[in-house]
PDB file of N, CA and C in Angstrom:
ATOM      1  N   MET A   1     -39.503 -17.204 -25.694  1.00  0.00           N
ATOM      2  CA  MET A   1     -40.123 -17.673 -26.910  1.00  0.00           C
ATOM      3  C   MET A   1     -39.081 -18.169 -27.902  1.00  0.00           C
ATOM      4  N   CYS A   2     -37.974 -17.456 -28.041  1.00  0.00           N
ATOM      5  CA  CYS A   2     -36.937 -17.872 -28.984  1.00  0.00           C
ATOM      6  C   CYS A   2     -35.799 -18.528 -28.227  1.00  0.00           C
ATOM      7  N   SER A   3     -35.242 -19.544 -28.847  1.00  0.00           N
ATOM      8  CA  SER A   3     -34.047 -20.141 -28.264  1.00  0.00           C
ATOM      9  C   SER A   3     -32.857 -19.270 -28.664  1.00  0.00           C
ATOM     10  N   PRO A   4     -31.695 -19.490 -28.079  1.00  0.00           N
ATOM     11  CA  PRO A   4     -30.526 -18.677 -28.446  1.00  0.00           C
ATOM     12  C   PRO A   4     -30.120 -18.857 -29.916  1.00  0.00           C
ATOM     13  N   ASP A   5     -30.645 -19.893 -30.549  1.00  0.00           N
ATOM     14  CA  ASP A   5     -30.342 -20.141 -31.955  1.00  0.00           C
ATOM     15  C   ASP A   5     -31.082 -19.132 -32.831  1.00  0.00           C
ATOM     16  N   PRO A   6     -30.388 -18.326 -33.634  1.00  0.00           N
ATOM     17  CA  PRO A   6     -31.095 -17.327 -34.448  1.00  0.00           C
ATOM     18  C   PRO A   6     -31.946 -17.954 -35.557  1.00  0.00           C
ATOM     19  N   VAL A   7     -31.689 -19.210 -35.906  1.00  0.00           N
ATOM     20  CA  VAL A   7     -32.460 -19.874 -36.954  1.00  0.00           C
ATOM     21  C   VAL A   7     -33.905 -20.069 -36.513  1.00  0.00           C
ATOM     22  N   ASN A   8     -34.113 -20.296 -35.217  1.00  0.00           N
ATOM     23  CA  ASN A   8     -35.455 -20.561 -34.713  1.00  0.00           C
ATOM     24  C   ASN A   8     -36.241 -19.289 -34.428  1.00  0.00           C
ATOM     25  N   CYS A   9     -35.587 -18.170 -34.293  1.00  0.00           N
ATOM     26  CA  CYS A   9     -36.264 -16.938 -33.892  1.00  0.00           C
ATOM     27  C   CYS A   9     -37.201 -16.400 -34.969  1.00  0.00           C
ATOM     28  N   PHE A  10     -36.788 -16.392 -36.211  1.00  0.00           N
ATOM     29  CA  PHE A  10     -37.609 -15.808 -37.261  1.00  0.00           C
ATOM     30  C   PHE A  10     -38.925 -16.564 -37.468  1.00  0.00           C
ATOM     31  N   PRO A  11     -38.908 -17.910 -37.557  1.00  0.00           N
ATOM     32  CA  PRO A  11     -40.191 -18.607 -37.705  1.00  0.00           C
ATOM     33  C   PRO A  11     -41.128 -18.384 -36.521  1.00  0.00           C
ATOM     34  N   VAL A  12     -40.593 -18.299 -35.324  1.00  0.00           N
ATOM     35  CA  VAL A  12     -41.438 -18.052 -34.145  1.00  0.00           C
ATOM     36  C   VAL A  12     -42.042 -16.652 -34.228  1.00  0.00           C
ATOM     37  N   LEU A  13     -41.248 -15.681 -34.623  1.00  0.00           N
ATOM     38  CA  LEU A  13     -41.746 -14.312 -34.763  1.00  0.00           C
ATOM     39  C   LEU A  13     -42.847 -14.232 -35.826  1.00  0.00           C
ATOM     40  N   VAL A  14     -42.637 -14.883 -36.967  1.00  0.00           N
ATOM     41  CA  VAL A  14     -43.645 -14.891 -38.025  1.00  0.00           C
ATOM     42  C   VAL A  14     -44.913 -15.578 -37.537  1.00  0.00           C
ATOM     43  N   ASN A  15     -44.769 -16.641 -36.774  1.00  0.00           N
ATOM     44  CA  ASN A  15     -45.927 -17.350 -36.229  1.00  0.00           C
ATOM     45  C   ASN A  15     -46.717 -16.451 -35.282  1.00  0.00           C
ATOM     46  N   ILE A  16     -46.035 -15.739 -34.414  1.00  0.00           N
ATOM     47  CA  ILE A  16     -46.714 -14.848 -33.466  1.00  0.00           C
ATOM     48  C   ILE A  16     -47.446 -13.742 -34.211  1.00  0.00           C
ATOM     49  N   LEU A  17     -46.789 -13.118 -35.191  1.00  0.00           N
ATOM     50  CA  LEU A  17     -47.420 -12.050 -35.954  1.00  0.00           C
ATOM     51  C   LEU A  17     -48.612 -12.561 -36.771  1.00  0.00           C
ATOM     52  N   SER A  18     -48.452 -13.720 -37.393  1.00  0.00           N
ATOM     53  CA  SER A  18     -49.545 -14.269 -38.202  1.00  0.00           C
ATOM     54  C   SER A  18     -50.756 -14.590 -37.341  1.00  0.00           C
ATOM     55  N   ASN A  19     -50.538 -15.205 -36.190  1.00  0.00           N
ATOM     56  CA  ASN A  19     -51.656 -15.533 -35.314  1.00  0.00           C
ATOM     57  C   ASN A  19     -52.308 -14.269 -34.752  1.00  0.00           C
ATOM     58  N   THR A  20     -51.510 -13.233 -34.518  1.00  0.00           N
ATOM     59  CA  THR A  20     -52.073 -11.963 -34.056  1.00  0.00           C
ATOM     60  C   THR A  20     -52.986 -11.355 -35.116  1.00  0.00           C
ATOM     61  N   PHE A  21     -52.524 -11.363 -36.369  1.00  0.00           N
ATOM     62  CA  PHE A  21     -53.358 -10.836 -37.449  1.00  0.00           C
ATOM     63  C   PHE A  21     -54.625 -11.667 -37.641  1.00  0.00           C
ATOM     64  N   LEU A  22     -54.502 -12.982 -37.478  1.00  0.00           N
ATOM     65  CA  LEU A  22     -55.693 -13.820 -37.598  1.00  0.00           C
ATOM     66  C   LEU A  22     -56.709 -13.495 -36.506  1.00  0.00           C
ATOM     67  N   ARG A  23     -56.228 -13.252 -35.293  1.00  0.00           N
ATOM     68  CA  ARG A  23     -57.146 -12.899 -34.202  1.00  0.00           C
ATOM     69  C   ARG A  23     -57.796 -11.538 -34.441  1.00  0.00           C
ATOM     70  N   LEU A  24     -57.029 -10.597 -35.019  1.00  0.00           N
ATOM     71  CA  LEU A  24     -57.584  -9.269 -35.303  1.00  0.00           C
ATOM     72  C   LEU A  24     -58.743  -9.350 -36.301  1.00  0.00           C
ATOM     73  N   PHE A  25     -58.655 -10.292 -37.222  1.00  0.00           N
ATOM     74  CA  PHE A  25     -59.711 -10.437 -38.223  1.00  0.00           C
ATOM     75  C   PHE A  25     -60.765 -11.458 -37.818  1.00  0.00           C
ATOM     76  N   ASN A  26     -60.808 -11.798 -36.530  1.00  0.00           N
ATOM     77  CA  ASN A  26     -61.800 -12.716 -35.956  1.00  0.00           C
ATOM     78  C   ASN A  26     -61.810 -14.078 -36.645  1.00  0.00           C
ATOM     79  N   SER A  27     -60.659 -14.566 -36.986  1.00  0.00           N
ATOM     80  CA  SER A  27     -60.563 -15.882 -37.606  1.00  0.00           C
ATOM     81  C   SER A  27     -60.357 -16.937 -36.526  1.00  0.00           C
ATOM     82  N   THR A  28     -60.885 -18.116 -36.757  1.00  0.00           N
ATOM     83  CA  THR A  28     -60.691 -19.209 -35.790  1.00  0.00           C
ATOM     84  C   THR A  28     -59.484 -20.058 -36.151  1.00  0.00           C
ATOM     85  N   ALA A  29     -58.884 -19.830 -37.303  1.00  0.00           N
ATOM     86  CA  ALA A  29     -57.719 -20.601 -37.724  1.00  0.00           C
ATOM     87  C   ALA A  29     -56.480 -20.153 -36.958  1.00  0.00           C
ATOM     88  N   ARG A  30     -55.574 -21.055 -36.766  1.00  0.00           N
ATOM     89  CA  ARG A  30     -54.303 -20.765 -36.112  1.00  0.00           C
ATOM     90  C   ARG A  30     -53.177 -21.429 -36.889  1.00  0.00           C
ATOM     91  N   LEU A  31     -52.010 -20.811 -36.877  1.00  0.00           N
ATOM     92  CA  LEU A  31     -50.830 -21.368 -37.514  1.00  0.00           C
ATOM     93  C   LEU A  31     -49.915 -21.945 -36.455  1.00  0.00           C
ATOM     94  N   ARG A  32     -49.303 -23.058 -36.800  1.00  0.00           N
ATOM     95  CA  ARG A  32     -48.334 -23.678 -35.893  1.00  0.00           C
ATOM     96  C   ARG A  32     -46.986 -23.782 -36.595  1.00  0.00           C
ATOM     97  N   VAL A  33     -45.919 -23.579 -35.859  1.00  0.00           N
ATOM     98  CA  VAL A  33     -44.562 -23.671 -36.400  1.00  0.00           C
ATOM     99  C   VAL A  33     -43.778 -24.633 -35.535  1.00  0.00           C
ATOM    100  N   TRP A  34     -43.006 -25.493 -36.167  1.00  0.00           N
ATOM    101  CA  TRP A  34     -42.108 -26.361 -35.418  1.00  0.00           C
ATOM    102  C   TRP A  34     -40.731 -26.287 -36.052  1.00  0.00           C
ATOM    103  N   SER A  35     -39.726 -26.597 -35.281  1.00  0.00           N
ATOM    104  CA  SER A  35     -38.356 -26.353 -35.729  1.00  0.00           C
ATOM    105  C   SER A  35     -37.677 -27.584 -36.306  1.00  0.00           C
ATOM    106  N   GLU A  36     -38.322 -28.741 -36.313  1.00  0.00           N
ATOM    107  CA  GLU A  36     -37.702 -29.914 -36.915  1.00  0.00           C
ATOM    108  C   GLU A  36     -37.860 -29.831 -38.422  1.00  0.00           C
ATOM    109  N   LEU A  37     -36.744 -29.914 -39.142  1.00  0.00           N
ATOM    110  CA  LEU A  37     -36.802 -29.781 -40.587  1.00  0.00           C
ATOM    111  C   LEU A  37     -37.438 -30.991 -41.250  1.00  0.00           C
ATOM    112  N   PHE A  38     -37.087 -32.166 -40.784  1.00  0.00           N
ATOM    113  CA  PHE A  38     -37.574 -33.394 -41.385  1.00  0.00           C
ATOM    114  C   PHE A  38     -38.105 -34.311 -40.297  1.00  0.00           C
ATOM    115  N   TYR A  39     -38.931 -35.242 -40.703  1.00  0.00           N
ATOM    116  CA  TYR A  39     -39.421 -36.242 -39.762  1.00  0.00           C
ATOM    117  C   TYR A  39     -38.251 -37.122 -39.359  1.00  0.00           C
ATOM    118  N   THR A  40     -38.009 -37.248 -38.074  1.00  0.00           N
ATOM    119  CA  THR A  40     -36.813 -37.947 -37.614  1.00  0.00           C
ATOM    120  C   THR A  40     -37.087 -39.366 -37.151  1.00  0.00           C
ATOM    121  N   GLY A  41     -38.303 -39.833 -37.250  1.00  0.00           N
ATOM    122  CA  GLY A  41     -38.613 -41.193 -36.820  1.00  0.00           C
ATOM    123  C   GLY A  41     -37.969 -42.224 -37.730  1.00  0.00           C
ATOM    124  N   GLU A  42     -37.581 -43.331 -37.177  1.00  0.00           N
ATOM    125  CA  GLU A  42     -36.977 -44.400 -37.962  1.00  0.00           C
ATOM    126  C   GLU A  42     -38.085 -45.242 -38.575  1.00  0.00           C
ATOM    127  N   ASN A  43     -38.179 -45.199 -39.876  1.00  0.00           N
ATOM    128  CA  ASN A  43     -39.168 -45.992 -40.582  1.00  0.00           C
ATOM    129  C   ASN A  43     -38.483 -46.607 -41.794  1.00  0.00           C
ATOM    130  N   GLY A  44     -38.161 -47.895 -41.703  1.00  0.00           N
ATOM    131  CA  GLY A  44     -37.452 -48.570 -42.781  1.00  0.00           C
ATOM    132  C   GLY A  44     -38.262 -48.657 -44.056  1.00  0.00           C
ATOM    133  N   GLU A  45     -39.566 -48.821 -43.913  1.00  0.00           N
ATOM    134  CA  GLU A  45     -40.422 -48.924 -45.093  1.00  0.00           C
ATOM    135  C   GLU A  45     -40.428 -47.614 -45.875  1.00  0.00           C
ATOM    136  N   LEU A  46     -40.462 -46.497 -45.170  1.00  0.00           N
ATOM    137  CA  LEU A  46     -40.425 -45.197 -45.829  1.00  0.00           C
ATOM    138  C   LEU A  46     -39.095 -44.983 -46.538  1.00  0.00           C
ATOM    139  N   LYS A  47     -37.994 -45.383 -45.903  1.00  0.00           N
ATOM    140  CA  LYS A  47     -36.683 -45.236 -46.539  1.00  0.00           C
ATOM    141  C   LYS A  47     -36.596 -46.069 -47.808  1.00  0.00           C
ATOM    142  N   ASN A  48     -37.134 -47.303 -47.772  1.00  0.00           N
ATOM    143  CA  ASN A  48     -37.123 -48.145 -48.969  1.00  0.00           C
ATOM    144  C   ASN A  48     -37.969 -47.526 -50.074  1.00  0.00           C
ATOM    145  N   TYR A  49     -39.109 -46.969 -49.720  1.00  0.00           N
ATOM    146  CA  TYR A  49     -39.989 -46.351 -50.695  1.00  0.00           C
ATOM    147  C   TYR A  49     -39.292 -45.169 -51.376  1.00  0.00           C
ATOM    148  N   ILE A  50     -38.641 -44.335 -50.585  1.00  0.00           N
ATOM    149  CA  ILE A  50     -37.924 -43.181 -51.137  1.00  0.00           C
ATOM    150  C   ILE A  50     -36.758 -43.635 -52.004  1.00  0.00           C
ATOM    151  N   PHE A  51     -36.007 -44.637 -51.528  1.00  0.00           N
ATOM    152  CA  PHE A  51     -34.849 -45.128 -52.274  1.00  0.00           C
ATOM    153  C   PHE A  51     -35.270 -45.678 -53.629  1.00  0.00           C
ATOM    154  N   PHE A  52     -36.278 -46.547 -53.643  1.00  0.00           N
ATOM    155  CA  PHE A  52     -36.682 -47.154 -54.903  1.00  0.00           C
ATOM    156  C   PHE A  52     -37.366 -46.149 -55.823  1.00  0.00           C
ATOM    157  N   GLY A  53     -38.038 -45.155 -55.269  1.00  0.00           N
ATOM    158  CA  GLY A  53     -38.615 -44.102 -56.097  1.00  0.00           C
ATOM    159  C   GLY A  53     -37.540 -43.295 -56.793  1.00  0.00           C
ATOM    160  N   LEU A  54     -36.523 -42.903 -56.045  1.00  0.00           N
ATOM    161  CA  LEU A  54     -35.414 -42.144 -56.647  1.00  0.00           C
ATOM    162  C   LEU A  54     -34.618 -42.994 -57.625  1.00  0.00           C
ATOM    163  N   PHE A  55     -34.446 -44.266 -57.285  1.00  0.00           N
ATOM    164  CA  PHE A  55     -33.719 -45.182 -58.167  1.00  0.00           C
ATOM    165  C   PHE A  55     -34.442 -45.338 -59.500  1.00  0.00           C
ATOM    166  N   THR A  56     -35.757 -45.487 -59.448  1.00  0.00           N
ATOM    167  CA  THR A  56     -36.556 -45.606 -60.670  1.00  0.00           C
ATOM    168  C   THR A  56     -36.471 -44.331 -61.494  1.00  0.00           C
ATOM    169  N   TYR A  57     -36.551 -43.190 -60.822  1.00  0.00           N
ATOM    170  CA  TYR A  57     -36.447 -41.900 -61.517  1.00  0.00           C
ATOM    171  C   TYR A  57     -35.100 -41.782 -62.232  1.00  0.00           C
ATOM    172  N   LEU A  58     -34.020 -42.168 -61.563  1.00  0.00           N
ATOM    173  CA  LEU A  58     -32.695 -42.082 -62.175  1.00  0.00           C
ATOM    174  C   LEU A  58     -32.560 -43.035 -63.353  1.00  0.00           C
ATOM    175  N   LEU A  59     -33.167 -44.226 -63.258  1.00  0.00           N
ATOM    176  CA  LEU A  59     -33.111 -45.164 -64.384  1.00  0.00           C
ATOM    177  C   LEU A  59     -33.833 -44.600 -65.602  1.00  0.00           C
ATOM    178  N   VAL A  60     -34.987 -43.999 -65.399  1.00  0.00           N
ATOM    179  CA  VAL A  60     -35.719 -43.405 -66.509  1.00  0.00           C
ATOM    180  C   VAL A  60     -34.917 -42.241 -67.097  1.00  0.00           C
ATOM    181  N   LEU A  61     -34.314 -41.444 -66.241  1.00  0.00           N
ATOM    182  CA  LEU A  61     -33.505 -40.323 -66.702  1.00  0.00           C
ATOM    183  C   LEU A  61     -32.293 -40.819 -67.492  1.00  0.00           C
ATOM    184  N   ALA A  62     -31.629 -41.858 -66.989  1.00  0.00           N
ATOM    185  CA  ALA A  62     -30.457 -42.395 -67.665  1.00  0.00           C
ATOM    186  C   ALA A  62     -30.831 -43.023 -69.002  1.00  0.00           C
ATOM    187  N   ALA A  63     -32.020 -43.595 -69.104  1.00  0.00           N
ATOM    188  CA  ALA A  63     -32.447 -44.198 -70.364  1.00  0.00           C
ATOM    189  C   ALA A  63     -32.890 -43.141 -71.370  1.00  0.00           C
ATOM    190  N   GLY A  64     -33.317 -41.988 -70.911  1.00  0.00           N
ATOM    191  CA  GLY A  64     -33.853 -40.980 -71.807  1.00  0.00           C
ATOM    192  C   GLY A  64     -32.846 -39.969 -72.319  1.00  0.00           C
ATOM    193  N   LEU A  65     -31.738 -39.784 -71.629  1.00  0.00           N
ATOM    194  CA  LEU A  65     -30.786 -38.751 -72.049  1.00  0.00           C
ATOM    195  C   LEU A  65     -29.927 -39.116 -73.259  1.00  0.00           C
ATOM    196  N   PRO A  66     -29.383 -40.317 -73.372  1.00  0.00           N
ATOM    197  CA  PRO A  66     -28.543 -40.612 -74.545  1.00  0.00           C
ATOM    198  C   PRO A  66     -29.252 -40.436 -75.883  1.00  0.00           C
ATOM    199  N   PRO A  67     -30.517 -40.867 -76.045  1.00  0.00           N
ATOM    200  CA  PRO A  67     -31.173 -40.600 -77.337  1.00  0.00           C
ATOM    201  C   PRO A  67     -31.319 -39.108 -77.637  1.00  0.00           C
ATOM    202  N   LEU A  68     -31.457 -38.302 -76.607  1.00  0.00           N
ATOM    203  CA  LEU A  68     -31.567 -36.857 -76.812  1.00  0.00           C
ATOM    204  C   LEU A  68     -30.289 -36.309 -77.439  1.00  0.00           C
ATOM    205  N   PHE A  69     -29.140 -36.750 -76.927  1.00  0.00           N
ATOM    206  CA  PHE A  69     -27.868 -36.302 -77.494  1.00  0.00           C
ATOM    207  C   PHE A  69     -27.673 -36.857 -78.908  1.00  0.00           C
ATOM    208  N   ALA A  70     -28.093 -38.101 -79.126  1.00  0.00           N
ATOM    209  CA  ALA A  70     -27.939 -38.706 -80.455  1.00  0.00           C
ATOM    210  C   ALA A  70     -28.791 -37.976 -81.476  1.00  0.00           C
ATOM    211  N   MET A  71     -30.020 -37.625 -81.120  1.00  0.00           N
ATOM    212  CA  MET A  71     -30.888 -36.909 -82.058  1.00  0.00           C
ATOM    213  C   MET A  71     -30.330 -35.522 -82.370  1.00  0.00           C
ATOM    214  N   SER A  72     -29.722 -34.894 -81.389  1.00  0.00           N
ATOM    215  CA  SER A  72     -29.120 -33.590 -81.625  1.00  0.00           C
ATOM    216  C   SER A  72     -27.988 -33.712 -82.640  1.00  0.00           C
ATOM    217  N   ASN A  73     -27.175 -34.757 -82.511  1.00  0.00           N
ATOM    218  CA  ASN A  73     -26.070 -34.951 -83.453  1.00  0.00           C
ATOM    219  C   ASN A  73     -26.582 -35.269 -84.847  1.00  0.00           C
ATOM    220  N   VAL A  74     -27.665 -36.048 -84.944  1.00  0.00           N
ATOM    221  CA  VAL A  74     -28.228 -36.378 -86.249  1.00  0.00           C
ATOM    222  C   VAL A  74     -28.763 -35.120 -86.924  1.00  0.00           C
ATOM    223  N   GLU A  75     -29.433 -34.258 -86.163  1.00  0.00           N
ATOM    224  CA  GLU A  75     -29.946 -33.008 -86.723  1.00  0.00           C
ATOM    225  C   GLU A  75     -28.800 -32.115 -87.208  1.00  0.00           C
ATOM    226  N   ASP A  76     -27.729 -32.067 -86.430  1.00  0.00           N
ATOM    227  CA  ASP A  76     -26.568 -31.277 -86.856  1.00  0.00           C
ATOM    228  C   ASP A  76     -25.974 -31.832 -88.149  1.00  0.00           C
ATOM    229  N   TYR A  77     -25.949 -33.155 -88.274  1.00  0.00           N
ATOM    230  CA  TYR A  77     -25.406 -33.787 -89.476  1.00  0.00           C
ATOM    231  C   TYR A  77     -26.288 -33.472 -90.689  1.00  0.00           C
ATOM    232  N   LYS A  78     -27.632 -33.489 -90.486  1.00  0.00           N
ATOM    233  CA  LYS A  78     -28.560 -33.240 -91.603  1.00  0.00           C
ATOM    234  C   LYS A  78     -28.418 -31.823 -92.141  1.00  0.00           C
ATOM    235  N   VAL A  79     -28.260 -30.858 -91.272  1.00  0.00           N
ATOM    236  CA  VAL A  79     -28.151 -29.469 -91.738  1.00  0.00           C
ATOM    237  C   VAL A  79     -26.709 -29.074 -92.015  1.00  0.00           C
ATOM    238  N   LYS A  80     -25.803 -30.019 -91.872  1.00  0.00           N
ATOM    239  CA  LYS A  80     -24.374 -29.845 -92.146  1.00  0.00           C
ATOM    240  C   LYS A  80     -23.775 -28.677 -91.369  1.00  0.00           C
ATOM    241  N   SER A  81     -24.140 -28.599 -90.079  1.00  0.00           N
ATOM    242  CA  SER A  81     -23.581 -27.536 -89.244  1.00  0.00           C
ATOM    243  C   SER A  81     -22.248 -27.997 -88.675  1.00  0.00           C
ATOM    244  N   MET A  82     -21.355 -27.034 -88.488  1.00  0.00           N
ATOM    245  CA  MET A  82     -20.035 -27.326 -87.934  1.00  0.00           C
ATOM    246  C   MET A  82     -19.763 -26.407 -86.777  1.00  0.00           C
ATOM    247  N   SER A  83     -19.044 -26.915 -85.801  1.00  0.00           N
ATOM    248  CA  SER A  83     -18.635 -26.065 -84.685  1.00  0.00           C
ATOM    249  C   SER A  83     -17.155 -25.772 -84.824  1.00  0.00           C
ATOM    250  N   CYS A  84     -16.764 -24.595 -84.434  1.00  0.00           N
ATOM    251  CA  CYS A  84     -15.362 -24.184 -84.582  1.00  0.00           C
ATOM    252  C   CYS A  84     -14.523 -24.726 -83.479  1.00  0.00           C
TER     253      CYS A  84
END
């Protein structure tokens, strides 16, 4: 059931125990476990979608952070706070 890799053993054990408990409670549901962390198929469209989504997120983040620092400095100036 388990490969020599210890990383795969725990999920398989949890799967066996979970399915056993489900059968004990007369449930028809079953759990499945697979060892591939990510989808490994080559899909260029998916890669472009992820790239442009992250790129857009970073642009919004980069546009939003400088005003935050500027407003903090303006507030410090208004209350005349000083740092040592």
